[in-house]
Amino acid sequence: MLNDFNQWLQDSVFKPLEDKKMPVMEHLVELQVRLTRAVIVTAIVFVATFFYADALVKWLRIPLQNMFVPSTLSWEPTDLPTVPFVFLAPAEALWQNVKVAGLFAFVLAAPYILLEVWQFVVPGLHVQERRFVGPFVFLSTLAFFAGVFFSFFFVLPFALNFLVSYGVSAGFIPQLSIAQYVGFALWFLLVFGLIFEVPLAITLMAKLGWVDAPFLRRYRKWALLGSFIIAAILTPTPDPFNQCLMALPMYVFYEVGIVSAGFFNKKKAAPATEALVSAVATAGGPASGMAMPKSSGGEYVEVPTGGRRR
């Protein structure tokens, strides 16, 4: 059944796109049309999400005073006092609703946007590249959403609880600006979505032959240092606690990428080694000092005794 589906995909999707020949100007016109469609669809979805912006902001406020319990799949309130939200500019609350609605509209319209990008790019790809790019885009999308959900349910509640409780224990009264909180939460979600892309990025580079597992193992120390430097740049707060929350998963996914790179390079190692041994044996001959395989009885050629070899 899988072979029938692949054959249908090749005959119905790939071949018509491959036969599609257009000059440069027609490609530009097609790009303009597809971008216009993507913008229109995103704008329509934005109008729909803007009506639910208040509800979306309330969802973003959940990790502030709640912790997710995996055993019961529910949220449990923390010991923090009630944290009121304030806005410090006349248009701050409206602008945050627009920002949240726009982000969710882009996420919801992403499948259609990727479809338009795929239909524009795929005619210029070879068959092998299409078979590789399609699953890679699908897996990268899943990895991004996995990072967003992991941050929302685990990392963000832990970080917010630590930071707010630290301020409360120091004797301060918590009052958060809606703009600062929404920016903090959305930035955390975006960064962790990108962190979950690290293994796929390393796998892609290994597949293209840019890196391999021994090369990545050699630079483990630099990867750990680079993870903390990147986390220090990306974290919205200067405290080392949030830097560790970002740097440690980033380095863990680097190690996962090493395993993935070793798996993809393993297939190429054996044929390359056999080709090298064959080339050396052919070039060196018997004088190369390599052990020659013994012949069987039927293949044995007697040494002539009629005279000396020159």
C-alpha atoms as a PDB file:
ATOM      1  CA  MET A   1       0.000   0.000   0.000  1.00  0.00           C
ATOM      2  CA  LEU A   2       2.878   2.334   0.792  1.00  0.00           C
ATOM      3  CA  ASN A   3       4.411   1.668  -2.633  1.00  0.00           C
ATOM      4  CA  ASP A   4       1.098   2.491  -4.299  1.00  0.00           C
ATOM      5  CA  PHE A   5       0.910   5.766  -2.381  1.00  0.00           C
ATOM      6  CA  ASN A   6       4.478   6.693  -3.362  1.00  0.00           C
ATOM      7  CA  GLN A   7       3.708   5.900  -6.982  1.00  0.00           C
ATOM      8  CA  TRP A   8       0.563   8.035  -6.885  1.00  0.00           C
ATOM      9  CA  LEU A   9       2.524  10.865  -5.270  1.00  0.00           C
ATOM     10  CA  GLN A  10       5.182  10.662  -7.971  1.00  0.00           C
ATOM     11  CA  ASP A  11       2.696  10.526 -10.860  1.00  0.00           C
ATOM     12  CA  SER A  12       0.178  13.055  -9.551  1.00  0.00           C
ATOM     13  CA  VAL A  13       2.311  15.609  -7.708  1.00  0.00           C
ATOM     14  CA  PHE A  14       6.008  15.431  -8.557  1.00  0.00           C
ATOM     15  CA  LYS A  15       5.879  14.818 -12.310  1.00  0.00           C
ATOM     16  CA  PRO A  16       3.408  17.643 -13.105  1.00  0.00           C
ATOM     17  CA  LEU A  17       5.538  20.044 -11.094  1.00  0.00           C
ATOM     18  CA  GLU A  18       8.704  18.783 -12.751  1.00  0.00           C
ATOM     19  CA  ASP A  19       7.242  19.375 -16.209  1.00  0.00           C
ATOM     20  CA  LYS A  20       6.396  22.944 -15.280  1.00  0.00           C
ATOM     21  CA  LYS A  21       8.922  25.129 -17.155  1.00  0.00           C
ATOM     22  CA  MET A  22       8.719  28.907 -16.780  1.00  0.00           C
ATOM     23  CA  PRO A  23      11.028  31.862 -17.471  1.00  0.00           C
ATOM     24  CA  VAL A  24      12.343  34.072 -14.682  1.00  0.00           C
ATOM     25  CA  MET A  25       9.651  36.751 -14.934  1.00  0.00           C
ATOM     26  CA  GLU A  26       6.886  34.187 -14.664  1.00  0.00           C
ATOM     27  CA  HIS A  27       8.592  32.782 -11.569  1.00  0.00           C
ATOM     28  CA  LEU A  28       8.581  36.265 -10.026  1.00  0.00           C
ATOM     29  CA  VAL A  29       4.918  36.717 -10.883  1.00  0.00           C
ATOM     30  CA  GLU A  30       4.133  33.335  -9.335  1.00  0.00           C
ATOM     31  CA  LEU A  31       6.090  34.308  -6.209  1.00  0.00           C
ATOM     32  CA  GLN A  32       4.093  37.542  -5.941  1.00  0.00           C
ATOM     33  CA  VAL A  33       0.799  35.663  -6.306  1.00  0.00           C
ATOM     34  CA  ARG A  34       1.692  33.084  -3.691  1.00  0.00           C
ATOM     35  CA  LEU A  35       2.922  35.718  -1.211  1.00  0.00           C
ATOM     36  CA  THR A  36      -0.307  37.673  -1.736  1.00  0.00           C
ATOM     37  CA  ARG A  37      -2.370  34.558  -1.029  1.00  0.00           C
ATOM     38  CA  ALA A  38      -0.383  33.820   2.118  1.00  0.00           C
ATOM     39  CA  VAL A  39      -0.782  37.398   3.397  1.00  0.00           C
ATOM     40  CA  ILE A  40      -4.533  37.399   2.688  1.00  0.00           C
ATOM     41  CA  VAL A  41      -5.074  34.075   4.478  1.00  0.00           C
ATOM     42  CA  THR A  42      -2.975  35.253   7.457  1.00  0.00           C
ATOM     43  CA  ALA A  43      -4.954  38.518   7.633  1.00  0.00           C
ATOM     44  CA  ILE A  44      -8.268  36.637   7.634  1.00  0.00           C
ATOM     45  CA  VAL A  45      -7.058  34.368  10.425  1.00  0.00           C
ATOM     46  CA  PHE A  46      -5.786  37.440  12.316  1.00  0.00           C
ATOM     47  CA  VAL A  47      -9.245  39.011  12.229  1.00  0.00           C
ATOM     48  CA  ALA A  48     -10.622  35.813  13.762  1.00  0.00           C
ATOM     49  CA  THR A  49      -7.931  35.522  16.454  1.00  0.00           C
ATOM     50  CA  PHE A  50      -8.188  39.190  17.423  1.00  0.00           C
ATOM     51  CA  PHE A  51     -11.717  38.623  18.752  1.00  0.00           C
ATOM     52  CA  TYR A  52     -10.250  35.966  21.079  1.00  0.00           C
ATOM     53  CA  ALA A  53      -7.146  37.962  22.040  1.00  0.00           C
ATOM     54  CA  ASP A  54      -8.342  38.484  25.627  1.00  0.00           C
ATOM     55  CA  ALA A  55      -8.797  34.741  26.062  1.00  0.00           C
ATOM     56  CA  LEU A  56      -5.366  34.070  24.544  1.00  0.00           C
ATOM     57  CA  VAL A  57      -3.744  36.538  26.956  1.00  0.00           C
ATOM     58  CA  LYS A  58      -5.498  34.781  29.848  1.00  0.00           C
ATOM     59  CA  TRP A  59      -3.995  31.499  28.647  1.00  0.00           C
ATOM     60  CA  LEU A  60      -0.567  33.120  28.637  1.00  0.00           C
ATOM     61  CA  ARG A  61      -1.131  34.163  32.262  1.00  0.00           C
ATOM     62  CA  ILE A  62      -1.682  30.566  33.412  1.00  0.00           C
ATOM     63  CA  PRO A  63       2.030  29.693  33.945  1.00  0.00           C
ATOM     64  CA  LEU A  64       2.469  32.745  36.206  1.00  0.00           C
ATOM     65  CA  GLN A  65       0.681  31.395  39.293  1.00  0.00           C
ATOM     66  CA  ASN A  66       0.209  27.728  38.392  1.00  0.00           C
ATOM     67  CA  MET A  67       2.414  24.675  37.980  1.00  0.00           C
ATOM     68  CA  PHE A  68       1.631  21.834  35.598  1.00  0.00           C
ATOM     69  CA  VAL A  69       1.430  18.377  37.219  1.00  0.00           C
ATOM     70  CA  PRO A  70       2.197  15.638  34.645  1.00  0.00           C
ATOM     71  CA  SER A  71       0.787  12.833  36.801  1.00  0.00           C
ATOM     72  CA  THR A  72      -2.712  14.342  36.804  1.00  0.00           C
ATOM     73  CA  LEU A  73      -2.386  16.397  33.596  1.00  0.00           C
ATOM     74  CA  SER A  74      -3.704  19.454  35.411  1.00  0.00           C
ATOM     75  CA  TRP A  75      -2.602  22.850  36.697  1.00  0.00           C
ATOM     76  CA  GLU A  76      -2.096  23.368  40.418  1.00  0.00           C
ATOM     77  CA  PRO A  77      -1.952  26.879  41.967  1.00  0.00           C
ATOM     78  CA  THR A  78       1.309  27.946  43.602  1.00  0.00           C
ATOM     79  CA  ASP A  79       1.828  29.767  46.892  1.00  0.00           C
ATOM     80  CA  LEU A  80       2.417  33.103  45.187  1.00  0.00           C
ATOM     81  CA  PRO A  81       0.104  35.987  46.053  1.00  0.00           C
ATOM     82  CA  THR A  82      -2.216  37.394  43.423  1.00  0.00           C
ATOM     83  CA  VAL A  83      -0.165  39.285  40.861  1.00  0.00           C
ATOM     84  CA  PRO A  84      -2.126  42.149  39.245  1.00  0.00           C
ATOM     85  CA  PHE A  85      -1.372  43.283  35.706  1.00  0.00           C
ATOM     86  CA  VAL A  86      -1.053  46.959  34.868  1.00  0.00           C
ATOM     87  CA  PHE A  87      -0.486  48.913  31.664  1.00  0.00           C
ATOM     88  CA  LEU A  88       1.802  51.921  31.626  1.00  0.00           C
ATOM     89  CA  ALA A  89       0.752  53.520  28.336  1.00  0.00           C
ATOM     90  CA  PRO A  90      -2.698  54.254  26.859  1.00  0.00           C
ATOM     91  CA  ALA A  91      -2.296  51.843  23.919  1.00  0.00           C
ATOM     92  CA  GLU A  92      -0.243  49.189  25.730  1.00  0.00           C
ATOM     93  CA  ALA A  93      -3.115  46.770  26.397  1.00  0.00           C
ATOM     94  CA  LEU A  94      -4.457  47.081  22.845  1.00  0.00           C
ATOM     95  CA  TRP A  95      -1.017  46.596  21.346  1.00  0.00           C
ATOM     96  CA  GLN A  96      -0.443  43.425  23.386  1.00  0.00           C
ATOM     97  CA  ASN A  97      -3.719  41.976  22.113  1.00  0.00           C
ATOM     98  CA  VAL A  98      -2.646  42.782  18.568  1.00  0.00           C
ATOM     99  CA  LYS A  99       0.748  41.147  19.151  1.00  0.00           C
ATOM    100  CA  VAL A 100      -0.719  37.972  20.634  1.00  0.00           C
ATOM    101  CA  ALA A 101      -3.422  37.727  17.961  1.00  0.00           C
ATOM    102  CA  GLY A 102      -0.859  38.239  15.202  1.00  0.00           C
ATOM    103  CA  LEU A 103       1.432  35.528  16.558  1.00  0.00           C
ATOM    104  CA  PHE A 104      -1.366  32.981  16.897  1.00  0.00           C
ATOM    105  CA  ALA A 105      -2.677  33.912  13.437  1.00  0.00           C
ATOM    106  CA  PHE A 106       0.756  33.228  11.952  1.00  0.00           C
ATOM    107  CA  VAL A 107       0.943  29.866  13.748  1.00  0.00           C
ATOM    108  CA  LEU A 108      -2.527  28.835  12.585  1.00  0.00           C
ATOM    109  CA  ALA A 109      -1.837  29.963   9.005  1.00  0.00           C
ATOM    110  CA  ALA A 110       1.599  28.283   8.939  1.00  0.00           C
ATOM    111  CA  PRO A 111       0.369  25.070   7.202  1.00  0.00           C
ATOM    112  CA  TYR A 112      -1.078  27.078   4.323  1.00  0.00           C
ATOM    113  CA  ILE A 113       2.049  29.261   4.123  1.00  0.00           C
ATOM    114  CA  LEU A 114       4.258  26.162   4.011  1.00  0.00           C
ATOM    115  CA  LEU A 115       2.021  24.714   1.296  1.00  0.00           C
ATOM    116  CA  GLU A 116       2.506  27.823  -0.867  1.00  0.00           C
ATOM    117  CA  VAL A 117       6.270  27.749  -0.249  1.00  0.00           C
ATOM    118  CA  TRP A 118       6.377  24.035  -1.118  1.00  0.00           C
ATOM    119  CA  GLN A 119       4.477  24.504  -4.388  1.00  0.00           C
ATOM    120  CA  PHE A 120       6.829  27.317  -5.394  1.00  0.00           C
ATOM    121  CA  VAL A 121      10.106  25.614  -4.477  1.00  0.00           C
ATOM    122  CA  VAL A 122       9.483  21.977  -5.374  1.00  0.00           C
ATOM    123  CA  PRO A 123       9.712  22.366  -9.210  1.00  0.00           C
ATOM    124  CA  GLY A 124      13.388  23.259  -8.840  1.00  0.00           C
ATOM    125  CA  LEU A 125      14.245  20.261  -6.676  1.00  0.00           C
ATOM    126  CA  HIS A 126      15.397  16.826  -7.765  1.00  0.00           C
ATOM    127  CA  VAL A 127      13.421  13.747  -6.817  1.00  0.00           C
ATOM    128  CA  GLN A 128      15.812  12.773  -4.017  1.00  0.00           C
ATOM    129  CA  GLU A 129      15.748  16.310  -2.629  1.00  0.00           C
ATOM    130  CA  ARG A 130      11.952  16.307  -2.593  1.00  0.00           C
ATOM    131  CA  ARG A 131      11.863  13.017  -0.704  1.00  0.00           C
ATOM    132  CA  PHE A 132      14.231  14.478   1.872  1.00  0.00           C
ATOM    133  CA  VAL A 133      12.875  18.044   2.177  1.00  0.00           C
ATOM    134  CA  GLY A 134       9.251  16.995   2.718  1.00  0.00           C
ATOM    135  CA  PRO A 135       9.826  14.839   5.844  1.00  0.00           C
ATOM    136  CA  PHE A 136      12.402  17.338   7.132  1.00  0.00           C
ATOM    137  CA  VAL A 137       9.903  20.223   7.002  1.00  0.00           C
ATOM    138  CA  PHE A 138       7.269  18.063   8.681  1.00  0.00           C
ATOM    139  CA  LEU A 139       9.620  16.960  11.480  1.00  0.00           C
ATOM    140  CA  SER A 140      10.954  20.494  12.006  1.00  0.00           C
ATOM    141  CA  THR A 141       7.387  21.753  12.427  1.00  0.00           C
ATOM    142  CA  LEU A 142       6.637  19.052  14.981  1.00  0.00           C
ATOM    143  CA  ALA A 143       9.895  19.821  16.820  1.00  0.00           C
ATOM    144  CA  PHE A 144       9.064  23.541  16.977  1.00  0.00           C
ATOM    145  CA  PHE A 145       5.607  22.927  18.446  1.00  0.00           C
ATOM    146  CA  ALA A 146       7.083  20.388  20.878  1.00  0.00           C
ATOM    147  CA  GLY A 147       9.501  23.066  22.097  1.00  0.00           C
ATOM    148  CA  VAL A 148       6.676  25.591  22.484  1.00  0.00           C
ATOM    149  CA  PHE A 149       4.534  23.171  24.509  1.00  0.00           C
ATOM    150  CA  PHE A 150       7.499  22.072  26.619  1.00  0.00           C
ATOM    151  CA  SER A 151       8.259  25.695  27.455  1.00  0.00           C
ATOM    152  CA  PHE A 152       4.622  26.550  28.232  1.00  0.00           C
ATOM    153  CA  PHE A 153       3.955  23.558  30.506  1.00  0.00           C
ATOM    154  CA  PHE A 154       7.309  23.123  32.251  1.00  0.00           C
ATOM    155  CA  VAL A 155       9.973  25.795  31.722  1.00  0.00           C
ATOM    156  CA  LEU A 156       7.887  28.974  31.845  1.00  0.00           C
ATOM    157  CA  PRO A 157       5.991  28.129  35.090  1.00  0.00           C
ATOM    158  CA  PHE A 158       9.238  27.141  36.786  1.00  0.00           C
ATOM    159  CA  ALA A 159      11.049  30.313  35.704  1.00  0.00           C
ATOM    160  CA  LEU A 160       8.178  32.650  36.594  1.00  0.00           C
ATOM    161  CA  ASN A 161       7.628  31.038  39.976  1.00  0.00           C
ATOM    162  CA  PHE A 162      11.314  31.377  40.829  1.00  0.00           C
ATOM    163  CA  LEU A 163      11.612  34.995  39.709  1.00  0.00           C
ATOM    164  CA  VAL A 164       8.395  36.273  41.286  1.00  0.00           C
ATOM    165  CA  SER A 165       8.902  34.379  44.564  1.00  0.00           C
ATOM    166  CA  TYR A 166      12.431  35.796  44.769  1.00  0.00           C
ATOM    167  CA  GLY A 167      11.050  39.329  44.504  1.00  0.00           C
ATOM    168  CA  VAL A 168       8.297  38.629  47.016  1.00  0.00           C
ATOM    169  CA  SER A 169      10.750  37.139  49.518  1.00  0.00           C
ATOM    170  CA  ALA A 170      12.862  40.282  49.141  1.00  0.00           C
ATOM    171  CA  GLY A 171       9.900  42.363  50.340  1.00  0.00           C
ATOM    172  CA  PHE A 172       8.654  43.795  47.037  1.00  0.00           C
ATOM    173  CA  ILE A 173       5.027  43.949  45.917  1.00  0.00           C
ATOM    174  CA  PRO A 174       4.565  42.194  42.548  1.00  0.00           C
ATOM    175  CA  GLN A 175       2.854  44.228  39.841  1.00  0.00           C
ATOM    176  CA  LEU A 176       3.607  43.261  36.273  1.00  0.00           C
ATOM    177  CA  SER A 177       3.289  45.322  33.135  1.00  0.00           C
ATOM    178  CA  ILE A 178       1.197  43.470  30.584  1.00  0.00           C
ATOM    179  CA  ALA A 179       3.662  44.405  27.841  1.00  0.00           C
ATOM    180  CA  GLN A 180       6.669  43.106  29.788  1.00  0.00           C
ATOM    181  CA  TYR A 181       4.936  39.862  30.729  1.00  0.00           C
ATOM    182  CA  VAL A 182       3.589  39.086  27.254  1.00  0.00           C
ATOM    183  CA  GLY A 183       6.982  39.862  25.701  1.00  0.00           C
ATOM    184  CA  PHE A 184       8.728  37.646  28.263  1.00  0.00           C
ATOM    185  CA  ALA A 185       6.333  34.719  27.725  1.00  0.00           C
ATOM    186  CA  LEU A 186       6.280  34.896  23.923  1.00  0.00           C
ATOM    187  CA  TRP A 187      10.076  35.184  23.758  1.00  0.00           C
ATOM    188  CA  PHE A 188      10.490  32.105  25.949  1.00  0.00           C
ATOM    189  CA  LEU A 189       8.080  30.118  23.783  1.00  0.00           C
ATOM    190  CA  LEU A 190       9.818  31.175  20.566  1.00  0.00           C
ATOM    191  CA  VAL A 191      13.341  30.462  21.819  1.00  0.00           C
ATOM    192  CA  PHE A 192      12.488  26.988  23.097  1.00  0.00           C
ATOM    193  CA  GLY A 193      10.747  26.209  19.835  1.00  0.00           C
ATOM    194  CA  LEU A 194      14.020  27.046  18.061  1.00  0.00           C
ATOM    195  CA  ILE A 195      16.106  25.093  20.598  1.00  0.00           C
ATOM    196  CA  PHE A 196      14.175  21.935  19.733  1.00  0.00           C
ATOM    197  CA  GLU A 197      15.307  22.426  16.124  1.00  0.00           C
ATOM    198  CA  VAL A 198      19.003  21.900  17.044  1.00  0.00           C
ATOM    199  CA  PRO A 199      19.071  18.086  16.487  1.00  0.00           C
ATOM    200  CA  LEU A 200      17.350  18.429  13.115  1.00  0.00           C
ATOM    201  CA  ALA A 201      19.748  21.187  12.063  1.00  0.00           C
ATOM    202  CA  ILE A 202      22.753  19.015  12.992  1.00  0.00           C
ATOM    203  CA  THR A 203      21.181  16.045  11.195  1.00  0.00           C
ATOM    204  CA  LEU A 204      20.702  18.139   8.061  1.00  0.00           C
ATOM    205  CA  MET A 205      24.347  19.278   8.146  1.00  0.00           C
ATOM    206  CA  ALA A 206      25.470  15.660   8.631  1.00  0.00           C
ATOM    207  CA  LYS A 207      23.275  14.554   5.744  1.00  0.00           C
ATOM    208  CA  LEU A 208      24.843  17.211   3.525  1.00  0.00           C
ATOM    209  CA  GLY A 209      28.341  16.140   4.603  1.00  0.00           C
ATOM    210  CA  TRP A 210      29.250  19.386   6.372  1.00  0.00           C
ATOM    211  CA  VAL A 211      29.853  17.788   9.795  1.00  0.00           C
ATOM    212  CA  ASP A 212      30.223  14.305  11.232  1.00  0.00           C
ATOM    213  CA  ALA A 213      30.048  12.727  14.673  1.00  0.00           C
ATOM    214  CA  PRO A 214      33.836  12.788  15.424  1.00  0.00           C
ATOM    215  CA  PHE A 215      33.974  16.478  14.494  1.00  0.00           C
ATOM    216  CA  LEU A 216      31.058  17.268  16.808  1.00  0.00           C
ATOM    217  CA  ARG A 217      32.561  15.254  19.679  1.00  0.00           C
ATOM    218  CA  ARG A 218      35.807  17.155  19.313  1.00  0.00           C
ATOM    219  CA  TYR A 219      34.051  20.471  19.915  1.00  0.00           C
ATOM    220  CA  ARG A 220      31.883  19.452  22.868  1.00  0.00           C
ATOM    221  CA  LYS A 221      33.513  21.933  25.244  1.00  0.00           C
ATOM    222  CA  TRP A 222      33.040  24.775  22.792  1.00  0.00           C
ATOM    223  CA  ALA A 223      29.428  23.738  22.276  1.00  0.00           C
ATOM    224  CA  LEU A 224      28.795  23.922  26.026  1.00  0.00           C
ATOM    225  CA  LEU A 225      30.410  27.351  26.213  1.00  0.00           C
ATOM    226  CA  GLY A 226      28.521  28.519  23.134  1.00  0.00           C
ATOM    227  CA  SER A 227      25.231  27.306  24.630  1.00  0.00           C
ATOM    228  CA  PHE A 228      25.699  29.548  27.661  1.00  0.00           C
ATOM    229  CA  ILE A 229      26.783  32.496  25.517  1.00  0.00           C
ATOM    230  CA  ILE A 230      23.757  32.132  23.218  1.00  0.00           C
ATOM    231  CA  ALA A 231      21.472  31.718  26.235  1.00  0.00           C
ATOM    232  CA  ALA A 232      22.919  34.869  27.806  1.00  0.00           C
ATOM    233  CA  ILE A 233      22.061  36.761  24.609  1.00  0.00           C
ATOM    234  CA  LEU A 234      18.592  35.284  24.146  1.00  0.00           C
ATOM    235  CA  THR A 235      17.260  35.357  27.704  1.00  0.00           C
ATOM    236  CA  PRO A 236      15.030  38.367  28.370  1.00  0.00           C
ATOM    237  CA  THR A 237      16.461  38.714  31.894  1.00  0.00           C
ATOM    238  CA  PRO A 238      20.141  38.942  32.925  1.00  0.00           C
ATOM    239  CA  ASP A 239      19.898  36.383  35.760  1.00  0.00           C
ATOM    240  CA  PRO A 240      21.947  33.167  35.457  1.00  0.00           C
ATOM    241  CA  PHE A 241      18.928  31.037  36.401  1.00  0.00           C
ATOM    242  CA  ASN A 242      17.116  31.630  33.111  1.00  0.00           C
ATOM    243  CA  GLN A 243      20.404  31.293  31.234  1.00  0.00           C
ATOM    244  CA  CYS A 244      20.817  27.782  32.641  1.00  0.00           C
ATOM    245  CA  LEU A 245      17.209  26.943  31.741  1.00  0.00           C
ATOM    246  CA  MET A 246      18.028  27.706  28.106  1.00  0.00           C
ATOM    247  CA  ALA A 247      21.671  26.611  27.903  1.00  0.00           C
ATOM    248  CA  LEU A 248      21.311  23.116  29.373  1.00  0.00           C
ATOM    249  CA  PRO A 249      18.540  21.909  27.000  1.00  0.00           C
ATOM    250  CA  MET A 250      20.478  23.435  24.112  1.00  0.00           C
ATOM    251  CA  TYR A 251      23.567  21.397  24.993  1.00  0.00           C
ATOM    252  CA  VAL A 252      21.493  18.239  25.578  1.00  0.00           C
ATOM    253  CA  PHE A 253      20.073  18.583  22.070  1.00  0.00           C
ATOM    254  CA  TYR A 254      23.622  19.055  20.777  1.00  0.00           C
ATOM    255  CA  GLU A 255      24.431  15.619  22.206  1.00  0.00           C
ATOM    256  CA  VAL A 256      21.290  14.237  20.566  1.00  0.00           C
ATOM    257  CA  GLY A 257      22.518  15.745  17.307  1.00  0.00           C
ATOM    258  CA  ILE A 258      25.845  13.902  17.709  1.00  0.00           C
ATOM    259  CA  VAL A 259      23.992  10.586  17.949  1.00  0.00           C
ATOM    260  CA  SER A 260      21.888  11.473  14.915  1.00  0.00           C
ATOM    261  CA  ALA A 261      24.952  12.546  12.918  1.00  0.00           C
ATOM    262  CA  GLY A 262      26.691   9.272  13.782  1.00  0.00           C
ATOM    263  CA  PHE A 263      23.685   7.340  12.519  1.00  0.00           C
ATOM    264  CA  PHE A 264      23.604   9.155   9.185  1.00  0.00           C
ATOM    265  CA  ASN A 265      27.389   8.961   8.681  1.00  0.00           C
ATOM    266  CA  LYS A 266      27.486   5.272   9.535  1.00  0.00           C
ATOM    267  CA  LYS A 267      25.923   4.334   6.230  1.00  0.00           C
ATOM    268  CA  LYS A 268      28.688   6.060   4.287  1.00  0.00           C
ATOM    269  CA  ALA A 269      31.623   4.822   6.384  1.00  0.00           C
ATOM    270  CA  ALA A 270      31.687   1.166   5.244  1.00  0.00           C
ATOM    271  CA  PRO A 271      31.555   1.784   1.468  1.00  0.00           C
ATOM    272  CA  ALA A 272      34.190   4.505   1.753  1.00  0.00           C
ATOM    273  CA  THR A 273      36.529   2.219   3.704  1.00  0.00           C
ATOM    274  CA  GLU A 274      36.092  -0.627   1.242  1.00  0.00           C
ATOM    275  CA  ALA A 275      36.782   1.684  -1.697  1.00  0.00           C
ATOM    276  CA  LEU A 276      39.954   2.980  -0.019  1.00  0.00           C
ATOM    277  CA  VAL A 277      41.267  -0.519   0.681  1.00  0.00           C
ATOM    278  CA  SER A 278      40.491  -1.597  -2.873  1.00  0.00           C
ATOM    279  CA  ALA A 279      42.271   1.429  -4.332  1.00  0.00           C
ATOM    280  CA  VAL A 280      45.384   0.871  -2.202  1.00  0.00           C
ATOM    281  CA  ALA A 281      45.486  -2.818  -3.069  1.00  0.00           C
ATOM    282  CA  THR A 282      45.152  -2.103  -6.781  1.00  0.00           C
ATOM    283  CA  ALA A 283      47.827   0.601  -6.776  1.00  0.00           C
ATOM    284  CA  GLY A 284      50.310  -1.189  -4.505  1.00  0.00           C
ATOM    285  CA  GLY A 285      50.042  -4.743  -5.845  1.00  0.00           C
ATOM    286  CA  PRO A 286      51.965  -7.573  -4.150  1.00  0.00           C
ATOM    287  CA  ALA A 287      54.881  -5.259  -3.305  1.00  0.00           C
ATOM    288  CA  SER A 288      52.709  -3.107  -1.050  1.00  0.00           C
ATOM    289  CA  GLY A 289      53.190  -5.510   1.834  1.00  0.00           C
ATOM    290  CA  MET A 290      49.460  -6.237   2.215  1.00  0.00           C
ATOM    291  CA  ALA A 291      48.380  -9.821   2.820  1.00  0.00           C
ATOM    292  CA  MET A 292      46.930 -11.324  -0.347  1.00  0.00           C
ATOM    293  CA  PRO A 293      43.997 -13.726  -0.102  1.00  0.00           C
ATOM    294  CA  LYS A 294      44.764 -17.385  -0.679  1.00  0.00           C
ATOM    295  CA  SER A 295      43.374 -19.007  -3.795  1.00  0.00           C
ATOM    296  CA  SER A 296      41.267 -22.099  -3.721  1.00  0.00           C
ATOM    297  CA  GLY A 297      42.437 -25.368  -5.261  1.00  0.00           C
ATOM    298  CA  GLY A 298      40.622 -24.902  -8.547  1.00  0.00           C
ATOM    299  CA  GLU A 299      42.026 -21.401  -9.054  1.00  0.00           C
ATOM    300  CA  TYR A 300      45.655 -22.173  -8.231  1.00  0.00           C
ATOM    301  CA  VAL A 301      48.214 -21.304 -10.951  1.00  0.00           C
ATOM    302  CA  GLU A 302      51.442 -23.330 -10.782  1.00  0.00           C
ATOM    303  CA  VAL A 303      54.765 -21.525 -10.696  1.00  0.00           C
ATOM    304  CA  PRO A 304      56.685 -22.233 -13.950  1.00  0.00           C
ATOM    305  CA  THR A 305      59.957 -24.091 -13.387  1.00  0.00           C
ATOM    306  CA  GLY A 306      61.440 -23.803 -16.867  1.00  0.00           C
ATOM    307  CA  GLY A 307      63.576 -20.779 -16.034  1.00  0.00           C
ATOM    308  CA  ARG A 308      64.063 -17.748 -13.850  1.00  0.00           C
ATOM    309  CA  ARG A 309      61.609 -14.901 -13.924  1.00  0.00           C
ATOM    310  CA  ARG A 310      62.938 -11.566 -14.996  1.00  0.00           C
END
